[in-house]
C-alpha atoms as a PDB file:
ATOM      1  CA  MET A   1     -47.585  73.834 -34.152  1.00  0.00           C
ATOM      2  CA  THR A   2     -45.161  76.664 -34.893  1.00  0.00           C
ATOM      3  CA  SER A   3     -41.468  76.567 -35.706  1.00  0.00           C
ATOM      4  CA  LYS A   4     -40.798  78.435 -32.485  1.00  0.00           C
ATOM      5  CA  GLU A   5     -42.643  75.793 -30.464  1.00  0.00           C
ATOM      6  CA  GLN A   6     -40.625  73.034 -32.120  1.00  0.00           C
ATOM      7  CA  VAL A   7     -37.330  74.785 -31.342  1.00  0.00           C
ATOM      8  CA  MET A   8     -38.134  75.769 -27.775  1.00  0.00           C
ATOM      9  CA  SER A   9     -39.503  72.323 -26.926  1.00  0.00           C
ATOM     10  CA  ARG A  10     -36.123  70.828 -27.727  1.00  0.00           C
ATOM     11  CA  LEU A  11     -34.285  73.334 -25.578  1.00  0.00           C
ATOM     12  CA  GLU A  12     -36.690  72.269 -22.813  1.00  0.00           C
ATOM     13  CA  LEU A  13     -35.937  68.543 -23.474  1.00  0.00           C
ATOM     14  CA  ASN A  14     -39.556  67.865 -24.377  1.00  0.00           C
ATOM     15  CA  PRO A  15     -39.499  67.681 -28.187  1.00  0.00           C
ATOM     16  CA  ILE A  16     -42.676  68.090 -30.191  1.00  0.00           C
ATOM     17  CA  GLY A  17     -43.204  68.041 -33.944  1.00  0.00           C
ATOM     18  CA  GLY A  18     -40.584  67.554 -36.630  1.00  0.00           C
ATOM     19  CA  THR A  19     -36.896  68.401 -36.417  1.00  0.00           C
ATOM     20  CA  PRO A  20     -36.426  72.184 -36.606  1.00  0.00           C
ATOM     21  CA  VAL A  21     -33.662  73.714 -38.734  1.00  0.00           C
ATOM     22  CA  PHE A  22     -31.505  76.661 -37.656  1.00  0.00           C
ATOM     23  CA  PRO A  23     -28.898  77.595 -40.310  1.00  0.00           C
ATOM     24  CA  ARG A  24     -27.549  80.515 -38.222  1.00  0.00           C
ATOM     25  CA  ASP A  25     -27.353  82.920 -41.119  1.00  0.00           C
ATOM     26  CA  LEU A  26     -25.257  85.966 -40.230  1.00  0.00           C
ATOM     27  CA  THR A  27     -24.871  87.679 -43.627  1.00  0.00           C
ATOM     28  CA  LEU A  28     -26.315  85.342 -46.292  1.00  0.00           C
ATOM     29  CA  GLY A  29     -29.615  87.204 -46.147  1.00  0.00           C
ATOM     30  CA  LEU A  30     -27.893  90.041 -47.994  1.00  0.00           C
ATOM     31  CA  ASP A  31     -27.551  87.736 -51.006  1.00  0.00           C
ATOM     32  CA  ALA A  32     -31.261  86.955 -50.770  1.00  0.00           C
ATOM     33  CA  LEU A  33     -31.964  90.676 -51.169  1.00  0.00           C
ATOM     34  CA  ASP A  34     -29.068  91.183 -53.607  1.00  0.00           C
ATOM     35  CA  ILE A  35     -27.789  94.269 -51.799  1.00  0.00           C
ATOM     36  CA  SER A  36     -24.323  95.481 -50.859  1.00  0.00           C
ATOM     37  CA  THR A  37     -22.967  94.756 -47.391  1.00  0.00           C
ATOM     38  CA  GLU A  38     -22.254  98.430 -46.866  1.00  0.00           C
ATOM     39  CA  LYS A  39     -25.967  99.281 -47.033  1.00  0.00           C
ATOM     40  CA  ILE A  40     -26.449  97.663 -43.628  1.00  0.00           C
ATOM     41  CA  PHE A  41     -23.378  98.980 -41.869  1.00  0.00           C
ATOM     42  CA  LYS A  42     -22.502 102.353 -43.389  1.00  0.00           C
ATOM     43  CA  ASP A  43     -23.064 105.172 -40.898  1.00  0.00           C
ATOM     44  CA  GLU A  44     -25.943 104.030 -38.639  1.00  0.00           C
ATOM     45  CA  TYR A  45     -26.913 100.346 -38.636  1.00  0.00           C
ATOM     46  CA  ASN A  46     -29.886  99.889 -40.989  1.00  0.00           C
ATOM     47  CA  ALA A  47     -32.339  97.900 -38.861  1.00  0.00           C
ATOM     48  CA  ASP A  48     -35.146  97.860 -41.418  1.00  0.00           C
ATOM     49  CA  LEU A  49     -32.964  96.506 -44.205  1.00  0.00           C
ATOM     50  CA  ALA A  50     -31.232  94.007 -41.906  1.00  0.00           C
ATOM     51  CA  ALA A  51     -34.546  92.548 -40.750  1.00  0.00           C
ATOM     52  CA  LYS A  52     -35.785  92.448 -44.329  1.00  0.00           C
ATOM     53  CA  ALA A  53     -32.675  90.473 -45.341  1.00  0.00           C
ATOM     54  CA  VAL A  54     -33.074  87.963 -42.501  1.00  0.00           C
ATOM     55  CA  LEU A  55     -36.695  87.333 -43.444  1.00  0.00           C
ATOM     56  CA  ALA A  56     -36.017  87.266 -47.198  1.00  0.00           C
ATOM     57  CA  LEU A  57     -33.712  84.281 -46.812  1.00  0.00           C
ATOM     58  CA  GLN A  58     -36.141  82.488 -44.503  1.00  0.00           C
ATOM     59  CA  LYS A  59     -38.962  82.937 -47.005  1.00  0.00           C
ATOM     60  CA  ILE A  60     -36.848  81.177 -49.637  1.00  0.00           C
ATOM     61  CA  THR A  61     -35.520  78.299 -47.542  1.00  0.00           C
ATOM     62  CA  HIS A  62     -38.274  77.908 -44.885  1.00  0.00           C
ATOM     63  CA  HIS A  63     -36.008  77.257 -41.914  1.00  0.00           C
ATOM     64  CA  ASP A  64     -37.414  77.428 -38.384  1.00  0.00           C
ATOM     65  CA  ALA A  65     -35.027  79.667 -36.457  1.00  0.00           C
ATOM     66  CA  VAL A  66     -33.096  82.815 -37.287  1.00  0.00           C
ATOM     67  CA  VAL A  67     -30.634  85.292 -35.862  1.00  0.00           C
ATOM     68  CA  GLY A  68     -32.599  88.523 -35.609  1.00  0.00           C
ATOM     69  CA  CYS A  69     -30.093  90.758 -37.379  1.00  0.00           C
ATOM     70  CA  ILE A  70     -27.331  90.816 -39.960  1.00  0.00           C
ATOM     71  CA  HIS A  71     -24.346  90.280 -37.682  1.00  0.00           C
ATOM     72  CA  SER A  72     -20.875  91.787 -37.802  1.00  0.00           C
ATOM     73  CA  ALA A  73     -17.686  91.710 -35.754  1.00  0.00           C
ATOM     74  CA  GLY A  74     -17.990  95.471 -36.050  1.00  0.00           C
ATOM     75  CA  PHE A  75     -20.284  95.405 -33.020  1.00  0.00           C
ATOM     76  CA  ASN A  76     -17.098  94.654 -31.034  1.00  0.00           C
ATOM     77  CA  VAL A  77     -14.620  96.731 -33.005  1.00  0.00           C
ATOM     78  CA  GLU A  78     -15.565 100.200 -34.176  1.00  0.00           C
ATOM     79  CA  CYS A  79     -16.794 101.650 -30.889  1.00  0.00           C
ATOM     80  CA  PHE A  80     -13.364 100.929 -29.384  1.00  0.00           C
ATOM     81  CA  GLY A  81     -11.457 102.627 -32.208  1.00  0.00           C
ATOM     82  CA  GLY A  82     -10.820  99.560 -34.366  1.00  0.00           C
ATOM     83  CA  GLU A  83     -11.478  99.449 -38.094  1.00  0.00           C
ATOM     84  CA  MET A  84     -13.767  97.244 -40.178  1.00  0.00           C
ATOM     85  CA  ARG A  85     -14.034  96.653 -43.901  1.00  0.00           C
ATOM     86  CA  TYR A  86     -17.360  96.007 -45.604  1.00  0.00           C
ATOM     87  CA  PRO A  87     -16.734  94.565 -49.087  1.00  0.00           C
ATOM     88  CA  GLU A  88     -19.568  95.369 -51.453  1.00  0.00           C
ATOM     89  CA  ARG A  89     -20.617  91.730 -51.892  1.00  0.00           C
ATOM     90  CA  GLY A  90     -18.426  90.194 -49.225  1.00  0.00           C
ATOM     91  CA  ILE A  91     -18.320  89.407 -45.528  1.00  0.00           C
ATOM     92  CA  PRO A  92     -17.451  92.144 -43.011  1.00  0.00           C
ATOM     93  CA  TYR A  93     -13.959  91.662 -41.592  1.00  0.00           C
ATOM     94  CA  VAL A  94     -11.667  93.336 -39.075  1.00  0.00           C
ATOM     95  CA  GLN A  95      -9.070  95.610 -40.656  1.00  0.00           C
ATOM     96  CA  ARG A  96      -7.522  96.683 -37.357  1.00  0.00           C
ATOM     97  CA  HIS A  97      -8.259  95.139 -33.969  1.00  0.00           C
ATOM     98  CA  PRO A  98      -9.114  97.845 -31.437  1.00  0.00           C
ATOM     99  CA  PHE A  99      -6.777  96.667 -28.685  1.00  0.00           C
ATOM    100  CA  SER A 100      -3.835  95.483 -30.785  1.00  0.00           C
ATOM    101  CA  SER A 101      -1.889  97.997 -28.704  1.00  0.00           C
ATOM    102  CA  PRO A 102      -2.351  97.579 -24.924  1.00  0.00           C
ATOM    103  CA  ASP A 103      -2.393 101.376 -24.592  1.00  0.00           C
ATOM    104  CA  ASP A 104      -5.579 101.494 -26.655  1.00  0.00           C
ATOM    105  CA  PHE A 105      -7.293  99.109 -24.248  1.00  0.00           C
ATOM    106  CA  TYR A 106      -6.882 101.511 -21.351  1.00  0.00           C
ATOM    107  CA  LYS A 107      -7.721 104.480 -23.572  1.00  0.00           C
ATOM    108  CA  PHE A 108     -10.972 103.159 -25.059  1.00  0.00           C
ATOM    109  CA  LYS A 109     -12.273 100.410 -22.749  1.00  0.00           C
ATOM    110  CA  GLU A 110     -15.051 102.553 -21.240  1.00  0.00           C
ATOM    111  CA  ARG A 111     -16.783 102.870 -24.605  1.00  0.00           C
ATOM    112  CA  GLU A 112     -19.785 100.731 -25.578  1.00  0.00           C
ATOM    113  CA  TYR A 113     -21.492  99.957 -28.858  1.00  0.00           C
ATOM    114  CA  ASP A 114     -24.984 101.405 -29.233  1.00  0.00           C
ATOM    115  CA  TYR A 115     -27.146  98.361 -29.953  1.00  0.00           C
ATOM    116  CA  THR A 116     -30.381 100.337 -30.348  1.00  0.00           C
ATOM    117  CA  GLN A 117     -30.759  99.730 -34.083  1.00  0.00           C
ATOM    118  CA  VAL A 118     -29.500  96.141 -33.889  1.00  0.00           C
ATOM    119  CA  VAL A 119     -32.120  95.333 -31.259  1.00  0.00           C
ATOM    120  CA  ARG A 120     -34.719  97.070 -33.411  1.00  0.00           C
ATOM    121  CA  SER A 121     -33.872  94.633 -36.207  1.00  0.00           C
ATOM    122  CA  TYR A 122     -34.639  91.782 -33.797  1.00  0.00           C
ATOM    123  CA  ASP A 123     -37.933  93.422 -32.876  1.00  0.00           C
ATOM    124  CA  ILE A 124     -38.941  93.797 -36.518  1.00  0.00           C
ATOM    125  CA  VAL A 125     -38.131  90.149 -37.222  1.00  0.00           C
ATOM    126  CA  LYS A 126     -40.112  88.978 -34.181  1.00  0.00           C
ATOM    127  CA  SER A 127     -43.142  91.109 -34.920  1.00  0.00           C
ATOM    128  CA  SER A 128     -43.112  90.227 -38.633  1.00  0.00           C
ATOM    129  CA  SER A 129     -42.715  86.471 -38.101  1.00  0.00           C
ATOM    130  CA  PRO A 130     -43.843  85.593 -34.566  1.00  0.00           C
ATOM    131  CA  ASP A 131     -43.926  81.868 -35.373  1.00  0.00           C
ATOM    132  CA  LEU A 132     -40.147  81.734 -35.895  1.00  0.00           C
ATOM    133  CA  ALA A 133     -37.633  81.166 -33.103  1.00  0.00           C
ATOM    134  CA  VAL A 134     -35.210  84.090 -32.823  1.00  0.00           C
ATOM    135  CA  PHE A 135     -31.710  83.624 -31.414  1.00  0.00           C
ATOM    136  CA  GLY A 136     -29.484  86.384 -30.113  1.00  0.00           C
ATOM    137  CA  ASN A 137     -26.008  85.729 -31.539  1.00  0.00           C
ATOM    138  CA  LEU A 138     -22.928  86.638 -29.498  1.00  0.00           C
ATOM    139  CA  GLU A 139     -19.289  85.635 -29.185  1.00  0.00           C
ATOM    140  CA  ALA A 140     -18.101  83.559 -26.223  1.00  0.00           C
ATOM    141  CA  PRO A 141     -15.430  84.986 -23.868  1.00  0.00           C
ATOM    142  CA  VAL A 142     -12.145  84.042 -25.578  1.00  0.00           C
ATOM    143  CA  THR A 143     -13.610  84.482 -29.059  1.00  0.00           C
ATOM    144  CA  ARG A 144     -14.747  88.014 -28.260  1.00  0.00           C
ATOM    145  CA  ALA A 145     -11.430  88.850 -26.613  1.00  0.00           C
ATOM    146  CA  GLY A 146      -9.674  87.634 -29.768  1.00  0.00           C
ATOM    147  CA  ILE A 147     -11.700  90.100 -31.830  1.00  0.00           C
ATOM    148  CA  TYR A 148     -10.735  92.897 -29.456  1.00  0.00           C
ATOM    149  CA  ARG A 149      -7.025  92.134 -29.222  1.00  0.00           C
ATOM    150  CA  GLY A 150      -6.303  90.062 -32.329  1.00  0.00           C
ATOM    151  CA  LEU A 151      -6.136  86.313 -31.842  1.00  0.00           C
ATOM    152  CA  GLU A 152      -2.365  86.004 -32.190  1.00  0.00           C
ATOM    153  CA  ASN A 153      -1.796  88.761 -29.630  1.00  0.00           C
ATOM    154  CA  LEU A 154      -4.340  87.225 -27.266  1.00  0.00           C
ATOM    155  CA  MET A 155      -2.684  83.808 -27.485  1.00  0.00           C
ATOM    156  CA  MET A 156       0.617  85.432 -26.512  1.00  0.00           C
ATOM    157  CA  ASP A 157      -1.099  87.241 -23.642  1.00  0.00           C
ATOM    158  CA  LEU A 158      -2.589  83.995 -22.359  1.00  0.00           C
ATOM    159  CA  SER A 159       0.928  82.568 -22.193  1.00  0.00           C
ATOM    160  CA  LEU A 160       2.931  85.586 -21.044  1.00  0.00           C
ATOM    161  CA  ASP A 161       0.554  88.084 -19.422  1.00  0.00           C
ATOM    162  CA  GLN A 162      -2.640  86.319 -18.410  1.00  0.00           C
ATOM    163  CA  THR A 163      -3.621  89.173 -16.090  1.00  0.00           C
ATOM    164  CA  PHE A 164      -3.925  91.507 -19.077  1.00  0.00           C
ATOM    165  CA  ALA A 165      -5.670  88.825 -21.137  1.00  0.00           C
ATOM    166  CA  LEU A 166      -8.257  88.419 -18.385  1.00  0.00           C
ATOM    167  CA  GLU A 167      -8.909  92.163 -18.319  1.00  0.00           C
ATOM    168  CA  ILE A 168      -9.860  91.955 -21.988  1.00  0.00           C
ATOM    169  CA  VAL A 169     -11.969  88.834 -21.448  1.00  0.00           C
ATOM    170  CA  GLU A 170     -13.815  90.461 -18.555  1.00  0.00           C
ATOM    171  CA  LEU A 171     -14.558  93.578 -20.595  1.00  0.00           C
ATOM    172  CA  GLY A 172     -16.054  91.358 -23.292  1.00  0.00           C
ATOM    173  CA  VAL A 173     -18.185  89.494 -20.771  1.00  0.00           C
ATOM    174  CA  GLU A 174     -19.509  92.794 -19.402  1.00  0.00           C
ATOM    175  CA  ARG A 175     -20.337  94.092 -22.879  1.00  0.00           C
ATOM    176  CA  ALA A 176     -21.942  90.794 -23.897  1.00  0.00           C
ATOM    177  CA  MET A 177     -24.191  90.851 -20.847  1.00  0.00           C
ATOM    178  CA  SER A 178     -25.163  94.451 -21.552  1.00  0.00           C
ATOM    179  CA  TYR A 179     -26.256  93.448 -25.069  1.00  0.00           C
ATOM    180  CA  ILE A 180     -28.196  90.446 -23.768  1.00  0.00           C
ATOM    181  CA  GLU A 181     -30.016  92.606 -21.237  1.00  0.00           C
ATOM    182  CA  LYS A 182     -31.099  94.894 -24.065  1.00  0.00           C
ATOM    183  CA  LEU A 183     -32.397  91.903 -26.037  1.00  0.00           C
ATOM    184  CA  ALA A 184     -34.261  90.675 -22.965  1.00  0.00           C
ATOM    185  CA  GLU A 185     -35.915  94.017 -22.137  1.00  0.00           C
ATOM    186  CA  ASN A 186     -38.568  93.717 -24.850  1.00  0.00           C
ATOM    187  CA  GLN A 187     -38.281  89.954 -25.370  1.00  0.00           C
ATOM    188  CA  SER A 188     -36.413  90.629 -28.604  1.00  0.00           C
ATOM    189  CA  ALA A 189     -34.896  87.119 -28.605  1.00  0.00           C
ATOM    190  CA  ASP A 190     -36.184  83.697 -27.576  1.00  0.00           C
ATOM    191  CA  ALA A 191     -32.758  82.242 -26.788  1.00  0.00           C
ATOM    192  CA  ILE A 192     -29.083  83.189 -26.745  1.00  0.00           C
ATOM    193  CA  PHE A 193     -26.451  81.529 -28.928  1.00  0.00           C
ATOM    194  CA  PHE A 194     -22.743  81.782 -28.091  1.00  0.00           C
ATOM    195  CA  ALA A 195     -20.418  81.317 -31.053  1.00  0.00           C
ATOM    196  CA  ALA A 196     -17.045  80.148 -29.801  1.00  0.00           C
ATOM    197  CA  ALA A 197     -14.569  79.475 -32.599  1.00  0.00           C
ATOM    198  CA  SER A 198     -11.616  80.522 -30.423  1.00  0.00           C
ATOM    199  CA  ASP A 199     -12.989  78.995 -27.218  1.00  0.00           C
ATOM    200  CA  ASN A 200     -11.497  75.813 -28.585  1.00  0.00           C
ATOM    201  CA  PRO A 201      -9.694  73.457 -26.186  1.00  0.00           C
ATOM    202  CA  ASP A 202      -7.786  71.929 -29.098  1.00  0.00           C
ATOM    203  CA  MET A 203      -6.342  75.397 -29.752  1.00  0.00           C
ATOM    204  CA  ILE A 204      -6.057  77.120 -26.364  1.00  0.00           C
ATOM    205  CA  GLY A 205      -5.679  73.901 -24.378  1.00  0.00           C
ATOM    206  CA  PRO A 206      -8.145  72.213 -22.014  1.00  0.00           C
ATOM    207  CA  GLU A 207      -6.702  73.992 -18.959  1.00  0.00           C
ATOM    208  CA  VAL A 208      -7.246  77.487 -20.373  1.00  0.00           C
ATOM    209  CA  TYR A 209     -10.644  76.454 -21.747  1.00  0.00           C
ATOM    210  CA  GLU A 210     -11.773  75.175 -18.358  1.00  0.00           C
ATOM    211  CA  SER A 211     -10.245  77.966 -16.263  1.00  0.00           C
ATOM    212  CA  ILE A 212     -11.285  80.876 -18.496  1.00  0.00           C
ATOM    213  CA  THR A 213     -13.997  79.904 -20.984  1.00  0.00           C
ATOM    214  CA  LEU A 214     -16.014  77.798 -18.553  1.00  0.00           C
ATOM    215  CA  LYS A 215     -15.532  80.211 -15.668  1.00  0.00           C
ATOM    216  CA  TYR A 216     -16.918  83.188 -17.564  1.00  0.00           C
ATOM    217  CA  MET A 217     -19.548  81.194 -19.454  1.00  0.00           C
ATOM    218  CA  SER A 218     -20.867  80.050 -16.078  1.00  0.00           C
ATOM    219  CA  GLN A 219     -21.296  83.681 -15.022  1.00  0.00           C
ATOM    220  CA  LEU A 220     -23.080  84.538 -18.268  1.00  0.00           C
ATOM    221  CA  ILE A 221     -25.352  81.492 -18.214  1.00  0.00           C
ATOM    222  CA  ASN A 222     -26.486  82.128 -14.650  1.00  0.00           C
ATOM    223  CA  LYS A 223     -27.382  85.732 -15.471  1.00  0.00           C
ATOM    224  CA  ILE A 224     -29.090  84.826 -18.751  1.00  0.00           C
ATOM    225  CA  HIS A 225     -31.196  82.133 -17.111  1.00  0.00           C
ATOM    226  CA  LYS A 226     -32.359  84.698 -14.561  1.00  0.00           C
ATOM    227  CA  LEU A 227     -33.649  86.702 -17.528  1.00  0.00           C
ATOM    228  CA  GLY A 228     -35.669  83.660 -18.597  1.00  0.00           C
ATOM    229  CA  LEU A 229     -33.665  82.839 -21.725  1.00  0.00           C
ATOM    230  CA  PRO A 230     -32.128  79.473 -22.679  1.00  0.00           C
ATOM    231  CA  VAL A 231     -28.493  79.302 -23.799  1.00  0.00           C
ATOM    232  CA  VAL A 232     -26.877  77.361 -26.644  1.00  0.00           C
ATOM    233  CA  PHE A 233     -23.075  77.045 -26.678  1.00  0.00           C
ATOM    234  CA  HIS A 234     -20.987  76.264 -29.781  1.00  0.00           C
ATOM    235  CA  PRO A 235     -17.311  75.804 -28.923  1.00  0.00           C
ATOM    236  CA  HIS A 236     -15.042  74.495 -31.648  1.00  0.00           C
ATOM    237  CA  GLY A 237     -12.781  71.506 -31.076  1.00  0.00           C
ATOM    238  CA  ASP A 238     -13.203  67.745 -31.183  1.00  0.00           C
ATOM    239  CA  PHE A 239     -15.280  67.152 -28.075  1.00  0.00           C
ATOM    240  CA  SER A 240     -15.930  63.585 -29.186  1.00  0.00           C
ATOM    241  CA  SER A 241     -12.272  62.687 -28.598  1.00  0.00           C
ATOM    242  CA  ASP A 242     -11.268  60.713 -25.509  1.00  0.00           C
ATOM    243  CA  GLU A 243      -9.057  63.611 -24.433  1.00  0.00           C
ATOM    244  CA  LEU A 244     -11.985  66.038 -24.232  1.00  0.00           C
ATOM    245  CA  SER A 245     -14.619  63.679 -22.824  1.00  0.00           C
ATOM    246  CA  SER A 246     -14.461  65.097 -19.296  1.00  0.00           C
ATOM    247  CA  THR A 247     -14.203  68.634 -20.698  1.00  0.00           C
ATOM    248  CA  LEU A 248     -17.454  68.089 -22.592  1.00  0.00           C
ATOM    249  CA  ASP A 249     -19.147  66.923 -19.401  1.00  0.00           C
ATOM    250  CA  LYS A 250     -17.888  70.004 -17.553  1.00  0.00           C
ATOM    251  CA  THR A 251     -19.252  72.165 -20.373  1.00  0.00           C
ATOM    252  CA  ILE A 252     -22.699  70.576 -20.173  1.00  0.00           C
ATOM    253  CA  ASP A 253     -22.605  70.843 -16.386  1.00  0.00           C
ATOM    254  CA  LEU A 254     -22.592  74.637 -16.744  1.00  0.00           C
ATOM    255  CA  GLY A 255     -26.338  74.309 -17.279  1.00  0.00           C
ATOM    256  CA  ILE A 256     -26.366  75.040 -21.001  1.00  0.00           C
ATOM    257  CA  ASP A 257     -29.640  74.265 -22.737  1.00  0.00           C
ATOM    258  CA  GLY A 258     -28.000  73.247 -25.999  1.00  0.00           C
ATOM    259  CA  PHE A 259     -24.588  72.147 -27.270  1.00  0.00           C
ATOM    260  CA  GLN A 260     -23.707  72.532 -30.941  1.00  0.00           C
ATOM    261  CA  PHE A 261     -20.913  70.294 -32.142  1.00  0.00           C
ATOM    262  CA  ALA A 262     -18.475  71.620 -34.738  1.00  0.00           C
ATOM    263  CA  GLU A 263     -16.683  69.931 -37.640  1.00  0.00           C
ATOM    264  CA  GLN A 264     -14.749  66.691 -37.081  1.00  0.00           C
ATOM    265  CA  ASN A 265     -16.956  65.541 -34.190  1.00  0.00           C
ATOM    266  CA  ASP A 266     -18.623  62.143 -33.912  1.00  0.00           C
ATOM    267  CA  HIS A 267     -22.216  63.194 -33.250  1.00  0.00           C
ATOM    268  CA  ASN A 268     -23.120  59.835 -31.714  1.00  0.00           C
ATOM    269  CA  ILE A 269     -20.448  60.248 -29.054  1.00  0.00           C
ATOM    270  CA  ILE A 270     -21.610  63.818 -28.385  1.00  0.00           C
ATOM    271  CA  LEU A 271     -25.161  62.483 -28.002  1.00  0.00           C
ATOM    272  CA  GLN A 272     -24.022  60.020 -25.336  1.00  0.00           C
ATOM    273  CA  HIS A 273     -23.014  63.038 -23.236  1.00  0.00           C
ATOM    274  CA  THR A 274     -25.928  65.378 -24.035  1.00  0.00           C
ATOM    275  CA  LYS A 275     -28.789  62.846 -23.826  1.00  0.00           C
ATOM    276  CA  ASN A 276     -31.306  63.881 -21.137  1.00  0.00           C
ATOM    277  CA  ARG A 277     -28.983  66.748 -20.152  1.00  0.00           C
ATOM    278  CA  CYS A 278     -29.274  69.300 -22.964  1.00  0.00           C
ATOM    279  CA  CYS A 279     -30.349  69.656 -26.570  1.00  0.00           C
ATOM    280  CA  ILE A 280     -27.866  68.575 -29.243  1.00  0.00           C
ATOM    281  CA  LEU A 281     -27.409  70.796 -32.307  1.00  0.00           C
ATOM    282  CA  GLY A 282     -25.293  70.376 -35.427  1.00  0.00           C
ATOM    283  CA  GLY A 283     -25.165  68.844 -38.865  1.00  0.00           C
ATOM    284  CA  ILE A 284     -23.480  68.990 -42.246  1.00  0.00           C
ATOM    285  CA  ASN A 285     -20.179  70.705 -42.920  1.00  0.00           C
ATOM    286  CA  VAL A 286     -20.486  74.212 -44.349  1.00  0.00           C
ATOM    287  CA  THR A 287     -17.097  74.334 -46.054  1.00  0.00           C
ATOM    288  CA  ASP A 288     -17.483  71.208 -48.164  1.00  0.00           C
ATOM    289  CA  SER A 289     -20.994  69.703 -48.385  1.00  0.00           C
ATOM    290  CA  LEU A 290     -23.000  72.910 -48.228  1.00  0.00           C
ATOM    291  CA  LEU A 291     -20.545  75.069 -50.148  1.00  0.00           C
ATOM    292  CA  LEU A 292     -19.797  72.625 -52.943  1.00  0.00           C
ATOM    293  CA  GLY A 293     -22.856  70.377 -53.200  1.00  0.00           C
ATOM    294  CA  PRO A 294     -24.156  68.700 -55.284  1.00  0.00           C
ATOM    295  CA  ASP A 295     -27.727  68.119 -54.118  1.00  0.00           C
ATOM    296  CA  GLU A 296     -27.249  64.374 -53.726  1.00  0.00           C
ATOM    297  CA  ARG A 297     -24.311  64.858 -51.372  1.00  0.00           C
ATOM    298  CA  ILE A 298     -26.179  67.444 -49.296  1.00  0.00           C
ATOM    299  CA  ILE A 299     -29.215  65.179 -48.975  1.00  0.00           C
ATOM    300  CA  ASN A 300     -27.107  62.139 -48.072  1.00  0.00           C
ATOM    301  CA  ASP A 301     -25.208  64.096 -45.420  1.00  0.00           C
ATOM    302  CA  CYS A 302     -28.439  65.459 -43.942  1.00  0.00           C
ATOM    303  CA  ASN A 303     -29.936  61.972 -43.839  1.00  0.00           C
ATOM    304  CA  LYS A 304     -26.880  60.658 -41.994  1.00  0.00           C
ATOM    305  CA  TYR A 305     -27.500  63.049 -39.103  1.00  0.00           C
ATOM    306  CA  MET A 306     -31.255  62.696 -39.205  1.00  0.00           C
ATOM    307  CA  LYS A 307     -31.069  58.903 -39.054  1.00  0.00           C
ATOM    308  CA  ASP A 308     -29.116  59.073 -35.796  1.00  0.00           C
ATOM    309  CA  LEU A 309     -30.562  62.187 -34.160  1.00  0.00           C
ATOM    310  CA  SER A 310     -34.079  62.964 -35.393  1.00  0.00           C
ATOM    311  CA  LYS A 311     -35.736  61.117 -32.500  1.00  0.00           C
ATOM    312  CA  GLU A 312     -33.647  63.004 -29.941  1.00  0.00           C
ATOM    313  CA  ASP A 313     -33.713  66.517 -28.477  1.00  0.00           C
ATOM    314  CA  TYR A 314     -32.160  67.725 -31.711  1.00  0.00           C
ATOM    315  CA  ILE A 315     -32.060  70.941 -33.725  1.00  0.00           C
ATOM    316  CA  PHE A 316     -30.498  70.546 -37.167  1.00  0.00           C
ATOM    317  CA  MET A 317     -27.752  73.038 -37.960  1.00  0.00           C
ATOM    318  CA  CYS A 318     -24.815  73.190 -40.311  1.00  0.00           C
ATOM    319  CA  SER A 319     -21.357  73.057 -38.765  1.00  0.00           C
ATOM    320  CA  CYS A 320     -20.890  76.817 -38.507  1.00  0.00           C
ATOM    321  CA  SER A 321     -22.526  80.127 -39.410  1.00  0.00           C
ATOM    322  CA  LEU A 322     -23.698  81.013 -42.922  1.00  0.00           C
ATOM    323  CA  HIS A 323     -22.318  83.984 -44.820  1.00  0.00           C
ATOM    324  CA  ARG A 324     -22.490  85.616 -48.209  1.00  0.00           C
ATOM    325  CA  GLY A 325     -21.302  83.412 -51.042  1.00  0.00           C
ATOM    326  CA  ILE A 326     -22.894  80.161 -49.873  1.00  0.00           C
ATOM    327  CA  SER A 327     -25.425  78.935 -52.425  1.00  0.00           C
ATOM    328  CA  ILE A 328     -28.942  79.762 -51.237  1.00  0.00           C
ATOM    329  CA  LYS A 329     -30.137  76.904 -53.433  1.00  0.00           C
ATOM    330  CA  ASN A 330     -27.920  74.525 -51.438  1.00  0.00           C
ATOM    331  CA  VAL A 331     -29.307  75.859 -48.163  1.00  0.00           C
ATOM    332  CA  LYS A 332     -32.834  75.283 -49.437  1.00  0.00           C
ATOM    333  CA  THR A 333     -31.855  71.732 -50.425  1.00  0.00           C
ATOM    334  CA  MET A 334     -30.535  71.163 -46.904  1.00  0.00           C
ATOM    335  CA  VAL A 335     -33.696  72.407 -45.204  1.00  0.00           C
ATOM    336  CA  SER A 336     -35.916  70.440 -47.582  1.00  0.00           C
ATOM    337  CA  ALA A 337     -33.909  67.261 -46.950  1.00  0.00           C
ATOM    338  CA  VAL A 338     -34.514  67.539 -43.208  1.00  0.00           C
ATOM    339  CA  LYS A 339     -38.230  68.168 -43.666  1.00  0.00           C
ATOM    340  CA  GLU A 340     -38.573  65.312 -46.149  1.00  0.00           C
ATOM    341  CA  PHE A 341     -36.781  62.875 -43.833  1.00  0.00           C
ATOM    342  CA  ASP A 342     -39.239  63.714 -41.060  1.00  0.00           C
ATOM    343  CA  SER A 343     -42.204  63.209 -43.377  1.00  0.00           C
ATOM    344  CA  LYS A 344     -41.244  59.624 -44.298  1.00  0.00           C
END
């Protein structure tokens, strides 16, 4: 039984084998290779080196699912005239959001990032390790729009000029779907993962979340399912709270195949909503347990989730994506703890 089979069976609500682990590494693989961030992103995207980095980390930690490239917000920034910074041993970050000025939106909105080399990284990963599950990683509607406009500006737009905010959201949805179609053409990904830090009802409010995030996610999910790919959604916010209980149900009702809970959620309450409806994903907190350790704490935290969820349609993840600077040793401890729990 392969890692891919274990992952996909859970997205199909028919789990087989042990609990698969998906750390959602976006840049940590660069530490596994001990190379500068700029080597991936300077000039043309370096597909060969990106794929090598993804696989180098997996060979150390033995997790079951990967993102098929080294990911950057630059995919959403530089083609529209924005600016990125690539610290030598750091995480790529936005120096200037492309649509911080509304004039720039109308000037540059017809442009599109060339994903050819990014998709090639996915293809290399899939062909090199066909037994792994490969997720396409994208930003959800409000999160992507926040990268385009700058989150503070977008929040003002949502309050004062929602028509303009929706233009930006809709552009992001179009560009996201274009990327997904490219991943689907050659079966470069097995599933699609939507990261949604800013699609957070605790931040933007349940009304905006339901009227904008859910509306456009519904469009994306329907199109992605027609391409034969399952969808995992990872909105931030405390969906285990009483206030967001109905919002969580509306989110699951979109037809998502997996829901990843973020920090501060009660996973048992989330499970009450997801059970027999979609796969549940999540696990230990990146910013304390995984970042700081020690091993005993990591193992205890992993066991807490495994005790409650390992018999369910469950994929173990940490609370958010992994980036440079996180201890690879700690990630290996996390993966090993999950595997050892299953073997008891």
